[in-house]
Protein backbone atom coordinates (compact mmCIF):
# COMPACT_ATOMS: atom_id res chain seq x y z
CA MET A 1 48.04 154.29 138.96
CA PRO A 2 47.61 155.99 142.92
CA ARG A 3 49.01 159.19 142.27
CA SER A 4 46.49 159.81 139.11
CA GLY A 5 43.64 159.05 141.39
CA GLU A 6 44.66 161.59 144.08
CA ALA A 7 45.24 164.81 140.86
CA VAL A 8 41.79 163.66 140.63
CA ASN A 9 39.68 164.07 143.89
CA VAL A 10 41.74 167.16 144.47
CA LEU A 11 40.60 168.87 140.69
CA VAL A 12 36.53 167.65 142.01
CA ALA A 13 37.20 169.59 144.98
CA LEU A 14 38.76 172.33 144.26
CA THR A 15 35.70 172.66 141.10
CA VAL A 16 32.96 172.14 143.75
CA ILE A 17 34.56 175.16 146.13
CA PHE A 18 34.66 177.45 143.08
CA ALA A 19 31.09 176.60 141.94
CA PHE A 20 29.80 177.32 145.64
CA ILE A 21 31.63 180.84 145.85
CA TYR A 22 29.99 181.56 142.66
CA VAL A 23 26.37 180.90 143.47
CA CYS A 24 26.30 181.98 146.92
CA ILE A 25 28.59 185.11 147.30
CA ASP A 26 26.31 188.64 146.45
CA SER A 27 27.04 190.00 143.42
CA ASP A 28 27.23 193.46 145.27
CA VAL A 29 29.98 192.45 147.26
CA LEU A 30 32.12 191.29 144.30
CA ASP A 31 32.79 193.57 141.33
CA GLU A 32 33.05 192.50 138.06
CA ILE A 33 36.66 191.55 137.71
CA LEU A 34 36.53 188.97 140.39
CA HIS A 35 33.83 187.24 138.59
CA GLY A 36 35.83 187.17 135.48
CA ILE A 37 38.46 185.57 137.45
CA LEU A 38 35.85 183.26 139.16
CA ASP A 39 34.89 182.22 135.47
CA PHE A 40 37.91 181.77 134.02
CA CYS A 41 39.45 179.44 136.67
CA ALA A 42 36.22 177.44 137.12
CA VAL A 43 35.92 176.63 132.81
CA ALA A 44 40.01 175.89 132.87
CA ILE A 45 39.25 173.29 136.14
CA LEU A 46 36.81 172.02 134.34
CA ILE A 47 38.34 171.41 130.81
CA VAL A 48 41.69 170.04 133.41
CA LEU A 49 39.59 167.64 135.03
CA LEU A 50 38.06 166.67 131.74
CA VAL A 51 41.34 165.92 129.92
CA VAL A 52 42.60 164.04 133.58
CA LEU A 53 39.57 161.99 132.89
CA VAL A 54 39.87 160.76 129.65
CA LEU A 55 43.98 159.74 130.39
CA HIS A 56 42.84 157.58 133.43
CA SER A 57 40.16 156.33 131.14
CA GLN A 58 42.80 155.45 128.65
CA GLU A 59 45.99 154.73 131.01
CA HIS A 60 45.81 150.58 130.32
CA THR A 61 45.60 150.98 126.89
CA PHE A 62 48.30 153.40 126.63
CA LEU A 63 50.05 150.72 128.99
CA HIS A 64 49.46 148.02 126.62
CA LEU A 65 50.74 149.87 123.48
CA ARG A 66 53.91 150.82 125.09
CA HIS A 67 54.32 146.90 125.69
CA ARG A 68 53.91 146.01 122.38
CA LEU A 69 56.47 148.48 121.25
CA TYR A 70 59.13 147.23 123.83
CA HIS A 71 58.85 143.54 122.46
CA GLY A 72 58.57 144.76 118.62
CA PHE A 73 62.08 146.59 119.42
CA ALA A 74 63.11 143.97 121.35
CA SER A 75 62.85 140.75 118.63
CA VAL A 76 63.92 143.14 115.66
CA GLN A 77 66.66 143.70 117.91
CA VAL A 78 67.45 139.92 118.56
CA GLN A 79 67.38 139.43 114.39
CA ILE A 80 69.85 141.53 113.98
CA ASN A 81 72.00 140.14 116.86
CA SER A 82 72.12 137.35 115.29
CA GLY A 83 72.37 137.92 111.84
CA MET A 84 76.05 139.57 112.93
CA ARG A 85 76.79 136.45 114.64
CA GLU A 86 76.70 134.24 111.26
CA ILE A 87 78.76 137.41 109.83
CA LEU A 88 81.19 137.68 112.41
CA GLY A 89 81.18 134.48 114.69
CA PRO A 90 79.16 133.46 117.65
CA ARG A 91 79.20 135.63 120.69
CA PRO A 92 80.03 133.46 123.78
CA ARG A 93 77.31 132.79 126.40
CA HIS A 94 78.66 129.54 127.94
CA SER A 95 81.80 127.56 127.95
CA HIS A 96 80.32 124.52 126.17
CA SER A 97 78.28 126.05 123.32
CA HIS A 98 79.72 125.77 119.47
CA CYS A 99 79.71 127.35 116.76
CA HIS A 100 79.66 125.69 112.96
CA CYS A 101 82.35 126.73 110.74
CA HIS A 102 82.57 125.18 107.09
CA CYS A 103 83.86 121.66 107.74
CA HIS A 104 84.35 121.10 111.27
CA THR A 105 82.75 122.26 114.93
CA ILE A 106 84.83 124.57 116.95
CA ASN A 107 84.27 124.87 120.68
CA GLU A 108 84.61 128.34 122.35
CA ALA A 109 87.19 127.38 124.73
CA THR A 110 89.54 126.44 121.83
CA SER A 111 92.10 128.74 120.00
CA GLY A 112 89.85 128.24 116.25
CA PHE A 113 87.03 130.02 118.04
CA MET A 114 89.75 132.85 118.80
CA VAL A 115 90.85 132.94 115.11
CA GLN A 116 87.07 133.06 114.16
CA LYS A 117 86.81 136.29 116.38
CA LEU A 118 89.57 138.13 114.06
CA LYS A 119 86.91 137.65 111.57
CA HIS A 120 89.80 135.39 109.45
CA ASP A 121 88.16 132.62 107.45
CA VAL A 122 89.10 128.93 109.62
CA LEU A 123 89.07 126.61 106.75
CA LYS A 124 90.16 123.83 108.47
CA ARG A 125 91.48 122.23 111.54
CA ILE A 126 94.38 120.22 111.25
CA TYR A 127 94.90 119.20 114.94
CA ASP A 128 94.58 121.19 117.71
CA GLY A 129 95.79 125.09 118.09
CA VAL A 130 96.56 124.87 114.06
CA TYR A 131 94.46 125.83 111.73
CA GLN A 132 94.30 126.66 108.00
CA VAL A 133 92.78 130.18 107.66
CA ASN A 134 91.77 132.37 104.54
CA VAL A 135 93.18 136.25 105.08
CA GLU A 136 91.94 138.84 102.84
CA ASN A 137 94.91 140.20 100.63
CA ILE A 138 96.89 137.47 101.62
CA GLY A 139 95.33 134.35 101.02
CA ASN A 140 95.44 130.64 102.53
CA ILE A 141 97.94 130.29 105.21
CA ILE A 142 98.79 128.51 108.60
CA TYR A 143 97.92 129.89 111.94
CA LYS A 144 99.62 128.26 114.97
CA VAL A 145 97.88 129.87 118.61
CA ALA A 146 100.14 129.09 121.08
CA PRO A 147 100.05 130.33 124.95
CA ARG A 148 102.62 133.41 125.43
CA ASP A 149 104.87 131.35 127.83
CA ASP A 150 105.39 128.46 125.54
CA SER A 151 109.17 129.25 125.39
CA ALA A 152 109.39 125.85 122.70
CA SER A 153 106.51 127.15 120.00
CA ARG A 154 108.73 130.75 120.01
CA GLU A 155 112.35 129.25 119.44
CA SER A 156 110.94 127.15 116.43
CA HIS A 157 109.39 130.07 114.85
CA ASN A 158 112.60 132.03 115.45
CA LEU A 159 114.76 129.45 113.96
CA ALA A 160 112.41 129.15 111.10
CA ILE A 161 112.20 132.52 110.67
CA ALA A 162 116.27 132.48 109.60
CA CYS A 163 116.03 129.59 107.44
CA SER A 164 115.30 129.80 103.96
CA ASN A 165 115.49 126.77 101.73
CA GLU A 166 112.34 124.50 99.68
CA PHE A 167 112.42 122.07 102.08
CA VAL A 168 111.88 123.84 105.31
CA LEU A 169 108.70 125.34 105.99
CA LYS A 170 108.73 129.01 105.92
CA ASN A 171 107.27 131.39 108.97
CA LEU A 172 105.68 134.65 108.10
CA TYR A 173 105.21 136.74 111.34
CA HIS A 174 103.58 136.35 114.29
CA PHE A 175 100.62 138.69 116.40
CA ASN A 176 99.29 138.99 119.69
CA PRO A 177 95.75 138.08 119.43
CA ASN A 178 94.86 138.70 122.68
CA CYS A 179 97.14 139.30 126.07
CA THR A 180 97.62 135.59 126.75
CA HIS A 181 98.47 133.86 123.29
CA VAL A 182 100.70 134.74 120.36
CA CYS A 183 99.41 133.66 116.69
CA TYR A 184 102.32 132.25 114.71
CA VAL A 185 101.59 132.60 111.04
CA MET A 186 103.15 130.16 108.29
CA GLU A 187 103.14 129.44 105.02
CA HIS A 188 100.06 127.09 103.98
CA TYR A 189 100.61 123.21 103.72
CA ASP A 190 97.94 120.87 103.12
CA GLN A 191 98.32 118.10 105.58
CA ASN A 192 101.16 116.49 108.10
CA PHE A 193 102.61 113.56 107.39
CA GLN A 194 100.14 111.85 109.49
CA GLN A 195 97.30 112.51 107.88
CA TRP A 196 99.43 111.84 104.47
CA LEU A 197 99.74 108.00 105.96
CA GLN A 198 95.96 107.75 106.79
CA GLU A 199 94.80 108.69 102.61
CA ASN A 200 98.40 106.86 101.06
CA ALA A 201 99.86 103.46 100.94
CA LEU A 202 103.62 102.88 101.37
CA LEU A 203 104.03 100.39 98.32
CA ASP A 204 102.58 100.12 95.40
CA HIS A 205 99.37 98.49 94.23
CA GLN A 206 101.27 95.27 93.49
CA GLY A 207 102.93 95.48 96.98
CA ARG A 208 106.55 94.80 95.46
CA ASN A 209 107.86 98.43 95.31
CA LEU A 210 107.51 101.27 97.33
CA ASN A 211 105.22 104.00 96.90
CA PRO A 212 107.07 106.90 95.07
CA GLU A 213 105.59 109.88 96.49
CA PHE A 214 106.49 107.99 100.05
CA LEU A 215 110.31 108.01 99.14
CA GLN A 216 109.84 111.67 97.62
CA ILE A 217 108.81 112.44 101.05
CA LEU A 218 111.63 110.68 102.36
CA ARG A 219 114.09 112.32 100.12
CA ASP A 220 112.60 116.09 100.38
CA VAL A 221 113.17 115.54 104.84
CA LEU A 222 116.53 114.53 103.72
CA ARG A 223 117.28 117.26 101.91
CA GLY A 224 116.05 119.40 104.45
CA ILE A 225 118.06 117.81 107.11
CA ASP A 226 121.01 118.24 105.12
CA TYR A 227 120.21 122.09 105.16
CA LEU A 228 119.78 122.55 108.61
CA HIS A 229 123.38 120.62 109.12
CA HIS A 230 125.90 122.10 106.68
CA VAL A 231 124.36 125.38 105.64
CA LYS A 232 122.51 126.22 109.28
CA LYS A 233 124.67 124.27 111.50
CA ARG A 234 122.50 123.32 113.85
CA CYS A 235 120.03 120.24 114.13
CA HIS A 236 116.41 119.82 114.02
CA GLY A 237 116.08 118.28 117.54
CA ASN A 238 112.70 116.78 117.00
CA LEU A 239 112.23 114.99 114.05
CA SER A 240 110.31 112.10 115.54
CA VAL A 241 107.44 113.95 115.73
CA LEU A 242 104.87 112.92 112.56
CA LEU A 243 103.38 116.22 112.83
CA ASN A 244 106.96 118.04 111.96
CA VAL A 245 106.92 116.77 108.17
CA VAL A 246 104.44 118.95 106.55
CA ILE A 247 103.06 118.46 102.90
CA VAL A 248 103.20 121.40 100.80
CA ASN A 249 101.93 120.70 96.59
CA GLY A 250 103.06 116.86 96.77
CA ARG A 251 107.03 118.03 98.30
CA ALA A 252 107.55 117.28 101.86
CA LYS A 253 108.78 120.17 104.31
CA ILE A 254 110.06 120.25 108.12
CA THR A 255 109.04 122.32 110.89
CA GLY A 256 109.21 122.30 114.36
CA MET A 257 112.64 123.05 115.15
CA ALA A 258 113.55 122.70 118.81
CA ASN A 259 117.33 123.74 119.18
CA ALA A 260 120.37 124.96 117.71
CA VAL A 261 123.61 123.23 117.93
CA PRO A 262 127.08 124.34 116.87
CA LYS A 263 129.02 122.51 114.05
CA LYS A 264 131.16 120.58 116.18
CA ASN A 265 128.47 118.75 118.05
CA LEU A 266 126.81 118.22 114.40
CA GLY A 267 127.69 114.61 114.89
CA GLY A 268 125.94 113.96 118.08
CA CYS A 269 122.57 115.22 116.34
CA ARG A 270 119.95 112.11 116.16
CA ASP A 271 117.87 113.67 113.09
CA TYR A 272 118.85 110.88 110.65
CA SER A 273 117.88 108.25 113.54
CA ASP A 274 114.63 109.78 114.15
CA LEU A 275 113.67 110.19 110.63
CA SER A 276 114.46 105.87 110.42
CA SER A 277 111.93 105.54 113.32
CA ILE A 278 109.45 107.61 112.03
CA VAL A 279 109.82 105.36 108.89
CA GLU A 280 109.60 102.44 110.80
CA ARG A 281 106.56 103.08 112.75
CA CYS A 282 104.91 104.07 109.86
CA PHE A 283 105.04 100.29 108.46
CA GLU A 284 104.31 99.19 112.16
CA THR A 285 101.16 101.60 111.86
CA LYS A 286 99.91 99.98 108.36
CA GLN A 287 101.21 96.15 109.65
CA GLN A 288 103.77 95.98 106.65
CA THR A 289 107.09 94.64 106.38
CA ILE A 290 110.13 96.81 105.83
CA PRO A 291 111.38 95.65 102.48
CA THR A 292 115.20 94.94 102.41
CA GLU A 293 116.70 97.72 100.76
CA LEU A 294 114.66 100.56 102.77
CA GLN A 295 115.87 98.43 105.74
CA LEU A 296 119.47 98.38 105.15
CA PHE A 297 118.92 101.98 104.17
CA LEU A 298 117.26 103.17 108.00
CA GLN A 299 120.12 101.29 109.67
CA TYR A 300 123.02 102.81 107.30
CA ILE A 301 121.67 106.81 108.28
CA SER A 302 120.75 106.01 111.57
CA LYS A 303 124.71 104.91 112.34
CA ALA A 304 126.71 106.69 109.67
CA LYS A 305 128.92 109.44 110.04
CA PRO A 306 127.49 113.08 108.77
CA SER A 307 130.26 113.49 106.03
CA ARG A 308 129.46 110.02 104.69
CA LEU A 309 125.81 110.93 104.11
CA LEU A 310 126.66 114.09 101.65
CA ASN A 311 125.34 111.67 98.97
CA ILE A 312 122.83 110.15 100.39
CA GLU A 313 119.96 111.78 98.15
CA ASN A 314 121.57 109.96 95.32
CA HIS A 315 121.21 106.49 97.04
CA PRO A 316 119.88 103.66 94.68
CA ILE A 317 116.86 103.26 96.76
CA PHE A 318 115.68 107.15 94.84
CA LEU A 319 116.59 106.04 91.56
CA SER A 320 114.47 104.75 88.44
CA PRO A 321 115.00 101.58 87.39
CA LEU A 322 116.98 102.61 83.95
CA GLN A 323 119.06 104.67 86.33
CA ARG A 324 120.09 101.72 88.76
CA LEU A 325 121.49 99.88 85.57
CA CYS A 326 123.29 102.83 85.11
CA TYR A 327 124.82 103.14 88.89
CA ARG A 328 125.62 99.08 88.32
CA VAL A 329 127.86 99.66 84.97
CA THR A 330 129.71 102.70 86.89
CA ALA A 331 130.55 101.30 89.50
CA HIS A 332 131.76 98.44 87.88
CA MET A 333 134.16 101.00 85.81
CA PHE A 334 134.89 102.16 89.16
CA LEU A 335 136.01 98.72 90.60
CA TYR A 336 138.30 98.01 87.45
CA PHE A 337 139.74 101.83 86.31
CA GLY A 338 139.48 104.04 89.59
CA ASN A 339 142.62 105.02 91.65
CA ALA A 340 141.61 102.56 94.66
CA LYS A 341 140.14 99.62 92.98
CA LYS A 342 142.49 96.93 95.14
CA SER A 343 140.91 98.45 98.09
CA PHE A 344 137.83 98.71 96.96
CA ALA A 345 137.40 95.55 95.96
CA LEU A 346 138.62 94.33 98.95
CA ALA A 347 136.24 96.35 100.96
CA LEU A 348 133.16 95.21 98.97
CA ASN A 349 134.18 91.05 99.46
CA LYS A 350 134.71 91.40 102.79
CA SER A 351 131.53 93.85 103.95
CA GLU A 352 127.79 91.96 104.80
CA LEU A 353 127.63 90.68 101.06
CA HIS A 354 130.00 88.04 101.39
CA GLY A 355 128.83 84.00 102.06
CA HIS A 356 126.00 85.15 99.87
CA LYS A 357 124.55 82.51 96.91
CA TRP A 358 123.13 83.96 94.17
CA LYS A 359 124.15 82.02 90.66
CA HIS A 360 121.31 79.17 91.71
CA LYS A 361 118.42 82.03 91.52
CA VAL A 362 119.34 83.41 87.56
CA ARG A 363 116.94 82.18 85.30
CA THR A 364 116.51 84.66 82.72
CA PHE A 365 119.96 85.27 82.22
CA ARG A 366 121.18 82.40 81.93
CA VAL A 367 123.04 83.27 78.49
CA VAL A 368 125.25 85.73 80.04
CA LEU A 369 126.40 83.06 82.87
CA LYS A 370 127.11 80.78 80.92
CA TYR A 371 128.81 82.66 78.30
CA LYS A 372 128.06 80.56 75.34
CA GLY A 373 128.85 82.59 72.59
CA LEU A 374 132.54 82.48 73.77
CA PRO A 375 135.25 79.42 73.12
CA ARG A 376 135.22 76.65 75.90
CA LYS A 377 139.12 77.99 76.79
CA GLN A 378 138.28 81.84 77.19
CA ARG A 379 135.42 80.66 79.06
CA LYS A 380 137.29 79.42 81.93
CA ASN A 381 138.73 83.10 82.66
CA PHE A 382 135.04 84.76 82.42
CA GLN A 383 133.74 82.13 85.04
CA TYR A 384 131.27 83.88 87.56
CA ASN A 385 131.81 82.80 90.79
CA GLN A 386 129.63 83.38 94.30
CA SER A 387 131.64 86.66 95.16
CA PRO A 388 130.21 90.32 95.21
CA ILE A 389 132.89 91.31 92.73
CA SER A 390 131.66 88.55 90.42
CA PHE A 391 127.88 89.39 90.62
CA MET A 392 128.52 93.07 89.67
CA ARG A 393 130.68 92.37 86.59
CA PHE A 394 127.39 89.98 86.10
CA GLY A 395 125.48 93.23 86.10
CA ARG A 396 127.32 95.05 83.89
CA ASN A 397 127.31 92.13 81.38
CA VAL A 398 123.49 91.94 81.47
CA VAL A 399 123.06 95.64 81.16
CA ALA A 400 125.48 95.35 78.29
CA HIS A 401 123.53 92.57 76.66
CA LEU A 402 120.58 93.92 76.70
CA LYS A 403 120.82 94.76 73.06
CA ASP A 404 120.33 90.95 72.71
CA ASN A 405 116.71 91.68 73.72
CA PHE A 406 115.93 89.04 76.22
CA ASN A 407 112.60 87.47 76.13
CA ARG A 408 110.29 87.91 79.02
CA ASN A 409 109.28 83.94 78.37
CA VAL A 410 111.06 81.68 76.11
CA GLY A 411 108.98 81.42 72.53
CA SER A 412 107.66 85.38 73.36
CA ASP A 413 107.93 88.13 72.14
CA GLN A 414 107.61 90.51 74.99
CA LYS A 415 110.42 92.39 75.66
CA LEU A 416 112.09 93.16 79.16
CA SER A 417 111.86 96.70 79.91
CA ALA A 418 114.51 97.88 82.81
CA LYS A 419 112.17 97.80 84.80
CA ASP A 420 111.87 94.44 84.39
CA VAL A 421 115.91 93.90 83.93
CA GLU A 422 116.17 95.78 87.53
CA GLU A 423 113.60 93.69 89.08
CA GLU A 424 115.50 90.81 87.67
CA LEU A 425 118.49 91.70 89.31
CA ASN A 426 117.58 92.78 92.42
CA GLY A 427 115.63 89.69 93.09
CA TYR A 428 118.88 87.56 92.72
CA TRP A 429 120.66 89.84 95.74
CA PRO A 430 118.34 92.41 97.23
CA ASP A 431 121.07 93.58 99.70
CA PHE A 432 123.57 94.03 97.16
CA MET A 433 122.66 97.91 95.65
CA PRO A 434 122.85 99.74 99.28
CA ILE A 435 125.89 98.31 100.50
CA LEU A 436 127.58 98.91 97.37
CA HIS A 437 126.74 102.25 97.87
CA GLN A 438 127.75 102.36 101.36
CA VAL A 439 131.31 101.14 99.99
CA LEU A 440 131.38 103.39 97.23
CA VAL A 441 130.76 106.61 99.58
CA GLU A 442 133.83 105.06 101.67
CA HIS A 443 136.19 104.96 99.00
CA GLY A 444 135.18 108.40 97.85
CA HIS A 445 132.85 107.50 94.93
CA LEU A 446 130.03 110.29 94.98
CA MET A 447 127.63 108.89 92.93
CA VAL A 448 125.65 111.16 90.65
CA VAL A 449 123.06 109.90 88.55
CA HIS A 450 120.78 112.18 86.00
CA ASP A 451 117.43 113.17 85.07
CA ALA A 452 116.12 111.37 88.41
CA VAL A 453 112.21 110.52 88.45
CA LEU A 454 112.44 111.88 91.61
CA LYS A 455 112.89 115.75 91.22
């Protein structure tokens, strides 16, 4: 280097000067002490000169060694940083980089990356802003990340905090991961209803009956709506969104409530009609026709007054075949022994069921239709006509004669089950049971059938 070369030149010059003085000056002039000083200085300068020369010659070696040490430390630091990124999550470098987390990719610009930076294990992305997360000492929960100025999310969280029902998703607490977002923490759920539809069918394998799991979800949502309306005195207000119905261990819960209304305004709620729209969209998406009984049920919940929906979860559509047969017998008892039997019979005959022809469809139970076991004179008194009242009596008599063990086919030993009997009766008149339920409710008869298959 330039400064080290100048130092060497100065030392050489001083050495030459001292050597000249030592040789040329007379020893008489200088005493013995001065000679000692000069000797010491000359030796010291020579030693320093030699050391400087050695250092100067090894300068490139030292520089090379320093560079190697620097690069070695740098590579170790890179390895440490990469290891820490694997543990704590990636460190942002630019807005388009990605990190891999279990079963999906999270962009650094999304809220999922922010959750990862909290050192929480993101198990699954349900949709943008909502993640399944595993937190130590808590377990699996749901994080919903929203901007702090999102008043809808904040209101929904506050409304859910005030609810305590098995059919409303629990909201646990919230925190601020940074100065711009809020993280709302909810109980863990498996998937939302939209995702459930992508993996499950609406009808059974034969395509004739509704999938029991779908009916269970529909019934759970109705229970959640009933809780909000009659216990919390509020509407859901945002039930038309499929994401606001979630599945927890095979059961449905509602979430994402939008507003609260006073009790006197509950009649204006659109929660039931919104639920009806959801179901209709489900069948449109699957390109399937809505079964007649379900279509009538959806029309009923969309138009009926809230007071008429108190017994909606005991609607025949939710009952097992055996329970539906019991329902037919119980309704027949109300017809003949109830306090309002005349008005009930009149309303049933004047309902939408009027004018339907059903007798020509009867095959398996023709023995009940013809009353062959009775004398001819008595037979005239018990003849059936095409009216709804007559069909209800026919259904009751079919159930009463199940002990006769109707065969599936003539000459066959295979007996009909409760499911076979109910499907046969329902095939004669598909509209009958849902309209019968409406008339019963209007006359104050709340049918309750115990030991339901759907819990």
